[in-house]
Amino acid sequence: MKKIEAILRPQKLHDTIKALHSIGVTAFTVNQVVGRGMQKDRSGIYRGRNFTMSLHPKVKMEIVISDFLVEKTVETIIAAAQTGEAGDGKIFITSVEQAINIRTGQVDESIDELRPLKEER
């Protein structure tokens, strides 16, 4: 199993979710985050005061998925979320040793074991 963490522009979230659904990836978590990368600071005036924004609003998608779907999932995220400008985000991939179902308390192997069986039908 792998965990894919994708930091995206908020305005690209809907397109990314739609693209992931089209390849059968329907389970994920989304959080609103702020961060700093290569995107430049923004300056402006709000209610008569100057401000500089160095942390930019982003969304973070977390997806735990079977190893065999990682490459397709990453390609799909890039295609849906890319604008070609600084600030598009990053994707991080890490290994997941184990998943445990909270409801049953059992080790959840369905992420790796059952997914390929469903696709073969």
PDB file of N, CA and C in Angstrom:
ATOM      1  N   MET A   1       0.839  -1.181   0.000  1.00  0.00           N
ATOM      2  CA  MET A   1       0.000   0.000   0.000  1.00  0.00           C
ATOM      3  C   MET A   1       0.883   1.242   0.000  1.00  0.00           C
ATOM      4  N   LYS A   2       0.385   2.272  -0.612  1.00  0.00           N
ATOM      5  CA  LYS A   2       1.054   3.564  -0.637  1.00  0.00           C
ATOM      6  C   LYS A   2       0.080   4.649  -0.205  1.00  0.00           C
ATOM      7  N   LYS A   3       0.644   5.698   0.367  1.00  0.00           N
ATOM      8  CA  LYS A   3      -0.140   6.884   0.695  1.00  0.00           C
ATOM      9  C   LYS A   3       0.333   7.998  -0.224  1.00  0.00           C
ATOM     10  N   ILE A   4      -0.599   8.566  -0.952  1.00  0.00           N
ATOM     11  CA  ILE A   4      -0.309   9.698  -1.828  1.00  0.00           C
ATOM     12  C   ILE A   4      -0.856  10.936  -1.139  1.00  0.00           C
ATOM     13  N   GLU A   5       0.022  11.915  -0.919  1.00  0.00           N
ATOM     14  CA  GLU A   5      -0.394  13.212  -0.392  1.00  0.00           C
ATOM     15  C   GLU A   5      -0.164  14.224  -1.506  1.00  0.00           C
ATOM     16  N   ALA A   6      -1.222  14.884  -1.918  1.00  0.00           N
ATOM     17  CA  ALA A   6      -1.143  15.865  -2.994  1.00  0.00           C
ATOM     18  C   ALA A   6      -1.572  17.224  -2.458  1.00  0.00           C
ATOM     19  N   ILE A   7      -0.681  18.201  -2.573  1.00  0.00           N
ATOM     20  CA  ILE A   7      -0.973  19.580  -2.190  1.00  0.00           C
ATOM     21  C   ILE A   7      -1.373  20.311  -3.467  1.00  0.00           C
ATOM     22  N   LEU A   8      -2.591  20.842  -3.507  1.00  0.00           N
ATOM     23  CA  LEU A   8      -3.145  21.414  -4.735  1.00  0.00           C
ATOM     24  C   LEU A   8      -3.683  22.823  -4.521  1.00  0.00           C
ATOM     25  N   ARG A   9      -3.877  23.514  -5.634  1.00  0.00           N
ATOM     26  CA  ARG A   9      -4.615  24.780  -5.600  1.00  0.00           C
ATOM     27  C   ARG A   9      -6.078  24.464  -5.276  1.00  0.00           C
ATOM     28  N   PRO A  10      -6.718  25.241  -4.407  1.00  0.00           N
ATOM     29  CA  PRO A  10      -8.124  24.964  -4.060  1.00  0.00           C
ATOM     30  C   PRO A  10      -9.051  24.942  -5.270  1.00  0.00           C
ATOM     31  N   GLN A  11      -8.804  25.782  -6.243  1.00  0.00           N
ATOM     32  CA  GLN A  11      -9.680  25.852  -7.409  1.00  0.00           C
ATOM     33  C   GLN A  11      -9.550  24.632  -8.320  1.00  0.00           C
ATOM     34  N   LYS A  12      -8.540  23.788  -8.093  1.00  0.00           N
ATOM     35  CA  LYS A  12      -8.346  22.576  -8.891  1.00  0.00           C
ATOM     36  C   LYS A  12      -8.889  21.326  -8.207  1.00  0.00           C
ATOM     37  N   LEU A  13      -9.431  21.479  -7.005  1.00  0.00           N
ATOM     38  CA  LEU A  13      -9.904  20.319  -6.255  1.00  0.00           C
ATOM     39  C   LEU A  13     -11.040  19.592  -6.975  1.00  0.00           C
ATOM     40  N   HIS A  14     -12.056  20.312  -7.409  1.00  0.00           N
ATOM     41  CA  HIS A  14     -13.205  19.674  -8.058  1.00  0.00           C
ATOM     42  C   HIS A  14     -12.776  18.889  -9.301  1.00  0.00           C
ATOM     43  N   ASP A  15     -11.940  19.484 -10.139  1.00  0.00           N
ATOM     44  CA  ASP A  15     -11.456  18.800 -11.347  1.00  0.00           C
ATOM     45  C   ASP A  15     -10.664  17.543 -10.987  1.00  0.00           C
ATOM     46  N   THR A  16      -9.885  17.635  -9.917  1.00  0.00           N
ATOM     47  CA  THR A  16      -9.066  16.495  -9.501  1.00  0.00           C
ATOM     48  C   THR A  16      -9.943  15.358  -8.985  1.00  0.00           C
ATOM     49  N   ILE A  17     -10.941  15.688  -8.174  1.00  0.00           N
ATOM     50  CA  ILE A  17     -11.855  14.661  -7.671  1.00  0.00           C
ATOM     51  C   ILE A  17     -12.590  13.989  -8.833  1.00  0.00           C
ATOM     52  N   LYS A  18     -13.064  14.766  -9.759  1.00  0.00           N
ATOM     53  CA  LYS A  18     -13.773  14.225 -10.924  1.00  0.00           C
ATOM     54  C   LYS A  18     -12.868  13.276 -11.720  1.00  0.00           C
ATOM     55  N   ALA A  19     -11.615  13.674 -11.920  1.00  0.00           N
ATOM     56  CA  ALA A  19     -10.667  12.840 -12.664  1.00  0.00           C
ATOM     57  C   ALA A  19     -10.355  11.549 -11.906  1.00  0.00           C
ATOM     58  N   LEU A  20     -10.210  11.643 -10.583  1.00  0.00           N
ATOM     59  CA  LEU A  20      -9.944  10.444  -9.784  1.00  0.00           C
ATOM     60  C   LEU A  20     -11.128   9.480  -9.840  1.00  0.00           C
ATOM     61  N   HIS A  21     -12.341  10.009  -9.772  1.00  0.00           N
ATOM     62  CA  HIS A  21     -13.527   9.149  -9.883  1.00  0.00           C
ATOM     63  C   HIS A  21     -13.538   8.422 -11.220  1.00  0.00           C
ATOM     64  N   SER A  22     -13.077   9.075 -12.271  1.00  0.00           N
ATOM     65  CA  SER A  22     -13.101   8.459 -13.600  1.00  0.00           C
ATOM     66  C   SER A  22     -12.170   7.245 -13.710  1.00  0.00           C
ATOM     67  N   ILE A  23     -11.170   7.152 -12.828  1.00  0.00           N
ATOM     68  CA  ILE A  23     -10.284   5.979 -12.839  1.00  0.00           C
ATOM     69  C   ILE A  23     -10.596   5.023 -11.693  1.00  0.00           C
ATOM     70  N   GLY A  24     -11.683   5.282 -10.977  1.00  0.00           N
ATOM     71  CA  GLY A  24     -12.112   4.379  -9.927  1.00  0.00           C
ATOM     72  C   GLY A  24     -11.562   4.664  -8.543  1.00  0.00           C
ATOM     73  N   VAL A  25     -10.891   5.801  -8.369  1.00  0.00           N
ATOM     74  CA  VAL A  25     -10.376   6.176  -7.046  1.00  0.00           C
ATOM     75  C   VAL A  25     -11.424   7.065  -6.384  1.00  0.00           C
ATOM     76  N   THR A  26     -12.101   6.516  -5.379  1.00  0.00           N
ATOM     77  CA  THR A  26     -13.211   7.240  -4.760  1.00  0.00           C
ATOM     78  C   THR A  26     -13.016   7.490  -3.271  1.00  0.00           C
ATOM     79  N   ALA A  27     -11.977   6.923  -2.671  1.00  0.00           N
ATOM     80  CA  ALA A  27     -11.753   7.084  -1.233  1.00  0.00           C
ATOM     81  C   ALA A  27     -10.527   7.972  -1.004  1.00  0.00           C
ATOM     82  N   PHE A  28     -10.740   9.087  -0.327  1.00  0.00           N
ATOM     83  CA  PHE A  28      -9.656  10.007  -0.027  1.00  0.00           C
ATOM     84  C   PHE A  28     -10.094  10.958   1.072  1.00  0.00           C
ATOM     85  N   THR A  29      -9.132  11.684   1.621  1.00  0.00           N
ATOM     86  CA  THR A  29      -9.403  12.702   2.628  1.00  0.00           C
ATOM     87  C   THR A  29      -8.900  14.027   2.089  1.00  0.00           C
ATOM     88  N   VAL A  30      -9.632  15.101   2.342  1.00  0.00           N
ATOM     89  CA  VAL A  30      -9.229  16.435   1.894  1.00  0.00           C
ATOM     90  C   VAL A  30      -9.209  17.376   3.093  1.00  0.00           C
ATOM     91  N   ASN A  31      -8.123  18.126   3.224  1.00  0.00           N
ATOM     92  CA  ASN A  31      -7.988  19.136   4.281  1.00  0.00           C
ATOM     93  C   ASN A  31      -7.617  20.474   3.665  1.00  0.00           C
ATOM     94  N   GLN A  32      -8.116  21.557   4.255  1.00  0.00           N
ATOM     95  CA  GLN A  32      -7.662  22.887   3.858  1.00  0.00           C
ATOM     96  C   GLN A  32      -6.375  23.165   4.618  1.00  0.00           C
ATOM     97  N   VAL A  33      -5.351  23.607   3.901  1.00  0.00           N
ATOM     98  CA  VAL A  33      -4.052  23.898   4.509  1.00  0.00           C
ATOM     99  C   VAL A  33      -3.523  25.209   3.958  1.00  0.00           C
ATOM    100  N   VAL A  34      -2.482  25.729   4.556  1.00  0.00           N
ATOM    101  CA  VAL A  34      -1.738  26.859   4.005  1.00  0.00           C
ATOM    102  C   VAL A  34      -0.283  26.452   3.942  1.00  0.00           C
ATOM    103  N   GLY A  35       0.436  27.009   2.976  1.00  0.00           N
ATOM    104  CA  GLY A  35       1.821  26.612   2.843  1.00  0.00           C
ATOM    105  C   GLY A  35       2.623  27.587   2.024  1.00  0.00           C
ATOM    106  N   ARG A  36       3.876  27.260   1.924  1.00  0.00           N
ATOM    107  CA  ARG A  36       4.840  28.118   1.248  1.00  0.00           C
ATOM    108  C   ARG A  36       5.731  27.255   0.376  1.00  0.00           C
ATOM    109  N   GLY A  37       5.868  27.615  -0.877  1.00  0.00           N
ATOM    110  CA  GLY A  37       6.751  26.928  -1.809  1.00  0.00           C
ATOM    111  C   GLY A  37       7.407  27.964  -2.704  1.00  0.00           C
ATOM    112  N   MET A  38       7.356  27.723  -4.002  1.00  0.00           N
ATOM    113  CA  MET A  38       7.966  28.644  -4.962  1.00  0.00           C
ATOM    114  C   MET A  38       7.039  29.804  -5.346  1.00  0.00           C
ATOM    115  N   GLN A  39       5.792  29.728  -4.952  1.00  0.00           N
ATOM    116  CA  GLN A  39       4.831  30.782  -5.277  1.00  0.00           C
ATOM    117  C   GLN A  39       5.227  32.071  -4.559  1.00  0.00           C
ATOM    118  N   LYS A  40       5.149  33.186  -5.267  1.00  0.00           N
ATOM    119  CA  LYS A  40       5.570  34.471  -4.709  1.00  0.00           C
ATOM    120  C   LYS A  40       4.567  34.998  -3.687  1.00  0.00           C
ATOM    121  N   ASP A  41       5.080  35.867  -2.804  1.00  0.00           N
ATOM    122  CA  ASP A  41       4.213  36.538  -1.835  1.00  0.00           C
ATOM    123  C   ASP A  41       3.209  37.418  -2.573  1.00  0.00           C
ATOM    124  N   ARG A  42       2.070  37.607  -1.943  1.00  0.00           N
ATOM    125  CA  ARG A  42       1.072  38.536  -2.460  1.00  0.00           C
ATOM    126  C   ARG A  42       1.017  39.725  -1.530  1.00  0.00           C
ATOM    127  N   SER A  43       0.917  40.900  -2.108  1.00  0.00           N
ATOM    128  CA  SER A  43       0.763  42.123  -1.326  1.00  0.00           C
ATOM    129  C   SER A  43      -0.510  42.822  -1.761  1.00  0.00           C
ATOM    130  N   GLY A  44      -1.060  43.583  -0.856  1.00  0.00           N
ATOM    131  CA  GLY A  44      -2.263  44.312  -1.200  1.00  0.00           C
ATOM    132  C   GLY A  44      -2.708  45.195  -0.057  1.00  0.00           C
ATOM    133  N   ILE A  45      -3.870  45.776  -0.228  1.00  0.00           N
ATOM    134  CA  ILE A  45      -4.446  46.635   0.797  1.00  0.00           C
ATOM    135  C   ILE A  45      -5.813  46.057   1.147  1.00  0.00           C
ATOM    136  N   TYR A  46      -6.043  45.860   2.432  1.00  0.00           N
ATOM    137  CA  TYR A  46      -7.322  45.348   2.912  1.00  0.00           C
ATOM    138  C   TYR A  46      -7.788  46.243   4.048  1.00  0.00           C
ATOM    139  N   ARG A  47      -8.970  46.843   3.873  1.00  0.00           N
ATOM    140  CA  ARG A  47      -9.537  47.771   4.849  1.00  0.00           C
ATOM    141  C   ARG A  47      -8.545  48.871   5.237  1.00  0.00           C
ATOM    142  N   GLY A  48      -7.868  49.374   4.222  1.00  0.00           N
ATOM    143  CA  GLY A  48      -6.965  50.494   4.428  1.00  0.00           C
ATOM    144  C   GLY A  48      -5.591  50.129   4.964  1.00  0.00           C
ATOM    145  N   ARG A  49      -5.311  48.859   5.140  1.00  0.00           N
ATOM    146  CA  ARG A  49      -3.999  48.439   5.667  1.00  0.00           C
ATOM    147  C   ARG A  49      -3.266  47.604   4.634  1.00  0.00           C
ATOM    148  N   ASN A  50      -1.959  47.831   4.557  1.00  0.00           N
ATOM    149  CA  ASN A  50      -1.115  47.018   3.678  1.00  0.00           C
ATOM    150  C   ASN A  50      -0.927  45.637   4.295  1.00  0.00           C
ATOM    151  N   PHE A  51      -0.878  44.619   3.439  1.00  0.00           N
ATOM    152  CA  PHE A  51      -0.607  43.271   3.939  1.00  0.00           C
ATOM    153  C   PHE A  51       0.263  42.532   2.943  1.00  0.00           C
ATOM    154  N   THR A  52       1.000  41.571   3.444  1.00  0.00           N
ATOM    155  CA  THR A  52       1.772  40.651   2.621  1.00  0.00           C
ATOM    156  C   THR A  52       1.385  39.243   3.037  1.00  0.00           C
ATOM    157  N   MET A  53       0.983  38.438   2.052  1.00  0.00           N
ATOM    158  CA  MET A  53       0.580  37.075   2.333  1.00  0.00           C
ATOM    159  C   MET A  53       1.693  36.139   1.841  1.00  0.00           C
ATOM    160  N   SER A  54       2.392  35.507   2.783  1.00  0.00           N
ATOM    161  CA  SER A  54       3.472  34.609   2.395  1.00  0.00           C
ATOM    162  C   SER A  54       3.060  33.146   2.497  1.00  0.00           C
ATOM    163  N   LEU A  55       1.952  32.860   3.171  1.00  0.00           N
ATOM    164  CA  LEU A  55       1.398  31.509   3.203  1.00  0.00           C
ATOM    165  C   LEU A  55       0.152  31.497   2.327  1.00  0.00           C
ATOM    166  N   HIS A  56       0.091  30.549   1.418  1.00  0.00           N
ATOM    167  CA  HIS A  56      -0.980  30.518   0.428  1.00  0.00           C
ATOM    168  C   HIS A  56      -1.969  29.402   0.736  1.00  0.00           C
ATOM    169  N   PRO A  57      -3.262  29.641   0.535  1.00  0.00           N
ATOM    170  CA  PRO A  57      -4.257  28.595   0.773  1.00  0.00           C
ATOM    171  C   PRO A  57      -4.110  27.467  -0.243  1.00  0.00           C
ATOM    172  N   LYS A  58      -4.140  26.250   0.251  1.00  0.00           N
ATOM    173  CA  LYS A  58      -4.044  25.047  -0.580  1.00  0.00           C
ATOM    174  C   LYS A  58      -5.001  24.012  -0.014  1.00  0.00           C
ATOM    175  N   VAL A  59      -5.166  22.910  -0.724  1.00  0.00           N
ATOM    176  CA  VAL A  59      -5.868  21.751  -0.190  1.00  0.00           C
ATOM    177  C   VAL A  59      -4.913  20.568  -0.248  1.00  0.00           C
ATOM    178  N   LYS A  60      -5.046  19.687   0.725  1.00  0.00           N
ATOM    179  CA  LYS A  60      -4.211  18.488   0.747  1.00  0.00           C
ATOM    180  C   LYS A  60      -5.120  17.273   0.643  1.00  0.00           C
ATOM    181  N   MET A  61      -4.896  16.490  -0.403  1.00  0.00           N
ATOM    182  CA  MET A  61      -5.613  15.229  -0.578  1.00  0.00           C
ATOM    183  C   MET A  61      -4.719  14.107  -0.083  1.00  0.00           C
ATOM    184  N   GLU A  62      -5.297  13.195   0.682  1.00  0.00           N
ATOM    185  CA  GLU A  62      -4.575  12.019   1.135  1.00  0.00           C
ATOM    186  C   GLU A  62      -5.318  10.794   0.615  1.00  0.00           C
ATOM    187  N   ILE A  63      -4.586   9.932  -0.080  1.00  0.00           N
ATOM    188  CA  ILE A  63      -5.167   8.753  -0.693  1.00  0.00           C
ATOM    189  C   ILE A  63      -4.292   7.555  -0.329  1.00  0.00           C
ATOM    190  N   VAL A  64      -4.886   6.525   0.265  1.00  0.00           N
ATOM    191  CA  VAL A  64      -4.168   5.274   0.502  1.00  0.00           C
ATOM    192  C   VAL A  64      -4.674   4.302  -0.549  1.00  0.00           C
ATOM    193  N   ILE A  65      -3.716   3.728  -1.291  1.00  0.00           N
ATOM    194  CA  ILE A  65      -4.097   2.989  -2.491  1.00  0.00           C
ATOM    195  C   ILE A  65      -3.153   1.809  -2.710  1.00  0.00           C
ATOM    196  N   SER A  66      -3.600   0.853  -3.490  1.00  0.00           N
ATOM    197  CA  SER A  66      -2.787  -0.301  -3.852  1.00  0.00           C
ATOM    198  C   SER A  66      -1.586   0.136  -4.681  1.00  0.00           C
ATOM    199  N   ASP A  67      -0.494  -0.595  -4.511  1.00  0.00           N
ATOM    200  CA  ASP A  67       0.737  -0.255  -5.231  1.00  0.00           C
ATOM    201  C   ASP A  67       0.531  -0.181  -6.743  1.00  0.00           C
ATOM    202  N   PHE A  68      -0.294  -1.072  -7.279  1.00  0.00           N
ATOM    203  CA  PHE A  68      -0.446  -1.126  -8.732  1.00  0.00           C
ATOM    204  C   PHE A  68      -1.220   0.070  -9.307  1.00  0.00           C
ATOM    205  N   LEU A  69      -1.887   0.846  -8.456  1.00  0.00           N
ATOM    206  CA  LEU A  69      -2.645   2.012  -8.939  1.00  0.00           C
ATOM    207  C   LEU A  69      -1.925   3.341  -8.718  1.00  0.00           C
ATOM    208  N   VAL A  70      -0.752   3.303  -8.113  1.00  0.00           N
ATOM    209  CA  VAL A  70      -0.063   4.547  -7.755  1.00  0.00           C
ATOM    210  C   VAL A  70       0.273   5.379  -8.984  1.00  0.00           C
ATOM    211  N   GLU A  71       0.903   4.789  -9.973  1.00  0.00           N
ATOM    212  CA  GLU A  71       1.345   5.552 -11.151  1.00  0.00           C
ATOM    213  C   GLU A  71       0.161   6.188 -11.882  1.00  0.00           C
ATOM    214  N   LYS A  72      -0.901   5.433 -12.079  1.00  0.00           N
ATOM    215  CA  LYS A  72      -2.087   5.959 -12.770  1.00  0.00           C
ATOM    216  C   LYS A  72      -2.734   7.084 -11.958  1.00  0.00           C
ATOM    217  N   THR A  73      -2.765   6.921 -10.644  1.00  0.00           N
ATOM    218  CA  THR A  73      -3.352   7.939  -9.777  1.00  0.00           C
ATOM    219  C   THR A  73      -2.546   9.229  -9.825  1.00  0.00           C
ATOM    220  N   VAL A  74      -1.235   9.125  -9.753  1.00  0.00           N
ATOM    221  CA  VAL A  74      -0.360  10.301  -9.805  1.00  0.00           C
ATOM    222  C   VAL A  74      -0.503  11.013 -11.156  1.00  0.00           C
ATOM    223  N   GLU A  75      -0.508  10.257 -12.231  1.00  0.00           N
ATOM    224  CA  GLU A  75      -0.678  10.856 -13.563  1.00  0.00           C
ATOM    225  C   GLU A  75      -2.013  11.594 -13.675  1.00  0.00           C
ATOM    226  N   THR A  76      -3.047  11.018 -13.089  1.00  0.00           N
ATOM    227  CA  THR A  76      -4.378  11.629 -13.126  1.00  0.00           C
ATOM    228  C   THR A  76      -4.411  12.930 -12.326  1.00  0.00           C
ATOM    229  N   ILE A  77      -3.790  12.926 -11.151  1.00  0.00           N
ATOM    230  CA  ILE A  77      -3.738  14.147 -10.331  1.00  0.00           C
ATOM    231  C   ILE A  77      -2.993  15.251 -11.077  1.00  0.00           C
ATOM    232  N   ILE A  78      -1.859  14.918 -11.651  1.00  0.00           N
ATOM    233  CA  ILE A  78      -1.068  15.924 -12.380  1.00  0.00           C
ATOM    234  C   ILE A  78      -1.880  16.501 -13.537  1.00  0.00           C
ATOM    235  N   ALA A  79      -2.507  15.637 -14.325  1.00  0.00           N
ATOM    236  CA  ALA A  79      -3.276  16.110 -15.480  1.00  0.00           C
ATOM    237  C   ALA A  79      -4.430  17.027 -15.061  1.00  0.00           C
ATOM    238  N   ALA A  80      -5.059  16.724 -13.939  1.00  0.00           N
ATOM    239  CA  ALA A  80      -6.225  17.509 -13.504  1.00  0.00           C
ATOM    240  C   ALA A  80      -5.842  18.792 -12.781  1.00  0.00           C
ATOM    241  N   ALA A  81      -4.706  18.802 -12.080  1.00  0.00           N
ATOM    242  CA  ALA A  81      -4.378  19.923 -11.194  1.00  0.00           C
ATOM    243  C   ALA A  81      -3.335  20.885 -11.768  1.00  0.00           C
ATOM    244  N   GLN A  82      -2.697  20.518 -12.834  1.00  0.00           N
ATOM    245  CA  GLN A  82      -1.586  21.319 -13.360  1.00  0.00           C
ATOM    246  C   GLN A  82      -2.068  22.552 -14.119  1.00  0.00           C
ATOM    247  N   THR A  83      -1.458  23.708 -13.776  1.00  0.00           N
ATOM    248  CA  THR A  83      -1.707  24.933 -14.543  1.00  0.00           C
ATOM    249  C   THR A  83      -0.439  25.380 -15.275  1.00  0.00           C
ATOM    250  N   GLY A  84       0.703  24.875 -14.836  1.00  0.00           N
ATOM    251  CA  GLY A  84       1.978  25.264 -15.433  1.00  0.00           C
ATOM    252  C   GLY A  84       2.628  26.453 -14.747  1.00  0.00           C
ATOM    253  N   GLU A  85       2.000  26.949 -13.684  1.00  0.00           N
ATOM    254  CA  GLU A  85       2.534  28.100 -12.962  1.00  0.00           C
ATOM    255  C   GLU A  85       3.062  27.682 -11.603  1.00  0.00           C
ATOM    256  N   ALA A  86       3.950  28.510 -11.055  1.00  0.00           N
ATOM    257  CA  ALA A  86       4.445  28.248  -9.701  1.00  0.00           C
ATOM    258  C   ALA A  86       3.263  28.220  -8.747  1.00  0.00           C
ATOM    259  N   GLY A  87       3.271  27.273  -7.815  1.00  0.00           N
ATOM    260  CA  GLY A  87       2.184  27.167  -6.858  1.00  0.00           C
ATOM    261  C   GLY A  87       1.200  26.064  -7.181  1.00  0.00           C
ATOM    262  N   ASP A  88       1.472  25.272  -8.219  1.00  0.00           N
ATOM    263  CA  ASP A  88       0.583  24.162  -8.560  1.00  0.00           C
ATOM    264  C   ASP A  88       0.559  23.092  -7.475  1.00  0.00           C
ATOM    265  N   GLY A  89       1.647  22.939  -6.728  1.00  0.00           N
ATOM    266  CA  GLY A  89       1.650  21.998  -5.621  1.00  0.00           C
ATOM    267  C   GLY A  89       2.692  20.905  -5.745  1.00  0.00           C
ATOM    268  N   LYS A  90       2.564  19.905  -4.896  1.00  0.00           N
ATOM    269  CA  LYS A  90       3.497  18.779  -4.837  1.00  0.00           C
ATOM    270  C   LYS A  90       2.730  17.508  -4.564  1.00  0.00           C
ATOM    271  N   ILE A  91       3.337  16.388  -4.927  1.00  0.00           N
ATOM    272  CA  ILE A  91       2.805  15.071  -4.603  1.00  0.00           C
ATOM    273  C   ILE A  91       3.888  14.311  -3.857  1.00  0.00           C
ATOM    274  N   PHE A  92       3.501  13.712  -2.727  1.00  0.00           N
ATOM    275  CA  PHE A  92       4.416  12.912  -1.922  1.00  0.00           C
ATOM    276  C   PHE A  92       3.857  11.490  -1.848  1.00  0.00           C
ATOM    277  N   ILE A  93       4.721  10.504  -2.000  1.00  0.00           N
ATOM    278  CA  ILE A  93       4.298   9.112  -1.943  1.00  0.00           C
ATOM    279  C   ILE A  93       5.113   8.407  -0.865  1.00  0.00           C
ATOM    280  N   THR A  94       4.418   7.761   0.077  1.00  0.00           N
ATOM    281  CA  THR A  94       5.076   7.020   1.148  1.00  0.00           C
ATOM    282  C   THR A  94       4.452   5.632   1.258  1.00  0.00           C
ATOM    283  N   SER A  95       5.189   4.724   1.864  1.00  0.00           N
ATOM    284  CA  SER A  95       4.684   3.367   2.082  1.00  0.00           C
ATOM    285  C   SER A  95       3.803   3.329   3.324  1.00  0.00           C
ATOM    286  N   VAL A  96       2.789   2.501   3.256  1.00  0.00           N
ATOM    287  CA  VAL A  96       1.890   2.278   4.392  1.00  0.00           C
ATOM    288  C   VAL A  96       2.068   0.822   4.809  1.00  0.00           C
ATOM    289  N   GLU A  97       2.448   0.611   6.051  1.00  0.00           N
ATOM    290  CA  GLU A  97       2.681  -0.748   6.527  1.00  0.00           C
ATOM    291  C   GLU A  97       1.401  -1.503   6.792  1.00  0.00           C
ATOM    292  N   GLN A  98       0.408  -0.817   7.344  1.00  0.00           N
ATOM    293  CA  GLN A  98      -0.786  -1.520   7.773  1.00  0.00           C
ATOM    294  C   GLN A  98      -1.960  -0.549   7.876  1.00  0.00           C
ATOM    295  N   ALA A  99      -3.152  -1.066   7.625  1.00  0.00           N
ATOM    296  CA  ALA A  99      -4.380  -0.291   7.822  1.00  0.00           C
ATOM    297  C   ALA A  99      -5.291  -1.112   8.729  1.00  0.00           C
ATOM    298  N   ILE A 100      -5.897  -0.448   9.706  1.00  0.00           N
ATOM    299  CA  ILE A 100      -6.772  -1.141  10.652  1.00  0.00           C
ATOM    300  C   ILE A 100      -8.154  -0.499  10.591  1.00  0.00           C
ATOM    301  N   ASN A 101      -9.168  -1.309  10.432  1.00  0.00           N
ATOM    302  CA  ASN A 101     -10.545  -0.849  10.382  1.00  0.00           C
ATOM    303  C   ASN A 101     -10.995  -0.520  11.802  1.00  0.00           C
ATOM    304  N   ILE A 102     -11.365   0.705  12.057  1.00  0.00           N
ATOM    305  CA  ILE A 102     -11.760   1.126  13.405  1.00  0.00           C
ATOM    306  C   ILE A 102     -13.037   0.412  13.849  1.00  0.00           C
ATOM    307  N   ARG A 103     -14.000   0.259  12.954  1.00  0.00           N
ATOM    308  CA  ARG A 103     -15.263  -0.377  13.322  1.00  0.00           C
ATOM    309  C   ARG A 103     -15.065  -1.799  13.821  1.00  0.00           C
ATOM    310  N   THR A 104     -14.217  -2.583  13.121  1.00  0.00           N
ATOM    311  CA  THR A 104     -14.045  -3.992  13.489  1.00  0.00           C
ATOM    312  C   THR A 104     -12.806  -4.254  14.327  1.00  0.00           C
ATOM    313  N   GLY A 105     -11.842  -3.325  14.283  1.00  0.00           N
ATOM    314  CA  GLY A 105     -10.575  -3.545  14.978  1.00  0.00           C
ATOM    315  C   GLY A 105      -9.655  -4.504  14.252  1.00  0.00           C
ATOM    316  N   GLN A 106     -10.053  -4.942  13.067  1.00  0.00           N
ATOM    317  CA  GLN A 106      -9.277  -5.905  12.287  1.00  0.00           C
ATOM    318  C   GLN A 106      -8.343  -5.201  11.312  1.00  0.00           C
ATOM    319  N   VAL A 107      -7.256  -5.887  10.967  1.00  0.00           N
ATOM    320  CA  VAL A 107      -6.364  -5.385   9.932  1.00  0.00           C
ATOM    321  C   VAL A 107      -7.155  -5.353   8.631  1.00  0.00           C
ATOM    322  N   ASP A 108      -7.133  -4.221   7.951  1.00  0.00           N
ATOM    323  CA  ASP A 108      -7.895  -4.034   6.719  1.00  0.00           C
ATOM    324  C   ASP A 108      -6.985  -4.279   5.534  1.00  0.00           C
ATOM    325  N   GLU A 109      -7.129  -5.424   4.937  1.00  0.00           N
ATOM    326  CA  GLU A 109      -6.307  -5.758   3.775  1.00  0.00           C
ATOM    327  C   GLU A 109      -7.051  -5.504   2.472  1.00  0.00           C
ATOM    328  N   SER A 110      -8.257  -4.973   2.567  1.00  0.00           N
ATOM    329  CA  SER A 110      -9.066  -4.786   1.364  1.00  0.00           C
ATOM    330  C   SER A 110      -8.452  -3.784   0.394  1.00  0.00           C
ATOM    331  N   ILE A 111      -7.638  -2.880   0.903  1.00  0.00           N
ATOM    332  CA  ILE A 111      -7.023  -1.897   0.015  1.00  0.00           C
ATOM    333  C   ILE A 111      -6.136  -2.593  -1.007  1.00  0.00           C
ATOM    334  N   ASP A 112      -5.318  -3.532  -0.552  1.00  0.00           N
ATOM    335  CA  ASP A 112      -4.429  -4.240  -1.475  1.00  0.00           C
ATOM    336  C   ASP A 112      -5.021  -5.523  -2.026  1.00  0.00           C
ATOM    337  N   GLU A 113      -5.764  -6.255  -1.232  1.00  0.00           N
ATOM    338  CA  GLU A 113      -6.193  -7.587  -1.625  1.00  0.00           C
ATOM    339  C   GLU A 113      -7.430  -7.617  -2.512  1.00  0.00           C
ATOM    340  N   LEU A 114      -8.482  -6.891  -2.154  1.00  0.00           N
ATOM    341  CA  LEU A 114      -9.745  -7.005  -2.860  1.00  0.00           C
ATOM    342  C   LEU A 114      -9.842  -6.124  -4.095  1.00  0.00           C
ATOM    343  N   ARG A 115      -9.116  -5.039  -4.125  1.00  0.00           N
ATOM    344  CA  ARG A 115      -9.220  -4.110  -5.263  1.00  0.00           C
ATOM    345  C   ARG A 115      -8.911  -4.795  -6.595  1.00  0.00           C
ATOM    346  N   PRO A 116      -7.817  -5.571  -6.706  1.00  0.00           N
ATOM    347  CA  PRO A 116      -7.545  -6.221  -7.997  1.00  0.00           C
ATOM    348  C   PRO A 116      -8.641  -7.212  -8.391  1.00  0.00           C
ATOM    349  N   LEU A 117      -9.269  -7.885  -7.423  1.00  0.00           N
ATOM    350  CA  LEU A 117     -10.324  -8.836  -7.736  1.00  0.00           C
ATOM    351  C   LEU A 117     -11.513  -8.130  -8.367  1.00  0.00           C
ATOM    352  N   LYS A 118     -11.862  -6.956  -7.891  1.00  0.00           N
ATOM    353  CA  LYS A 118     -12.988  -6.214  -8.431  1.00  0.00           C
ATOM    354  C   LYS A 118     -12.698  -5.764  -9.865  1.00  0.00           C
ATOM    355  N   GLU A 119     -11.461  -5.405 -10.138  1.00  0.00           N
ATOM    356  CA  GLU A 119     -11.110  -4.913 -11.471  1.00  0.00           C
ATOM    357  C   GLU A 119     -11.064  -6.020 -12.506  1.00  0.00           C
ATOM    358  N   GLU A 120     -10.808  -7.271 -12.092  1.00  0.00           N
ATOM    359  CA  GLU A 120     -10.700  -8.371 -13.030  1.00  0.00           C
ATOM    360  C   GLU A 120     -12.050  -8.775 -13.604  1.00  0.00           C
ATOM    361  N   ARG A 121     -13.127  -8.445 -12.925  1.00  0.00           N
ATOM    362  CA  ARG A 121     -14.465  -8.864 -13.360  1.00  0.00           C
ATOM    363  C   ARG A 121     -14.910  -8.165 -14.609  1.00  0.00           C
TER     364      ARG A 121
END
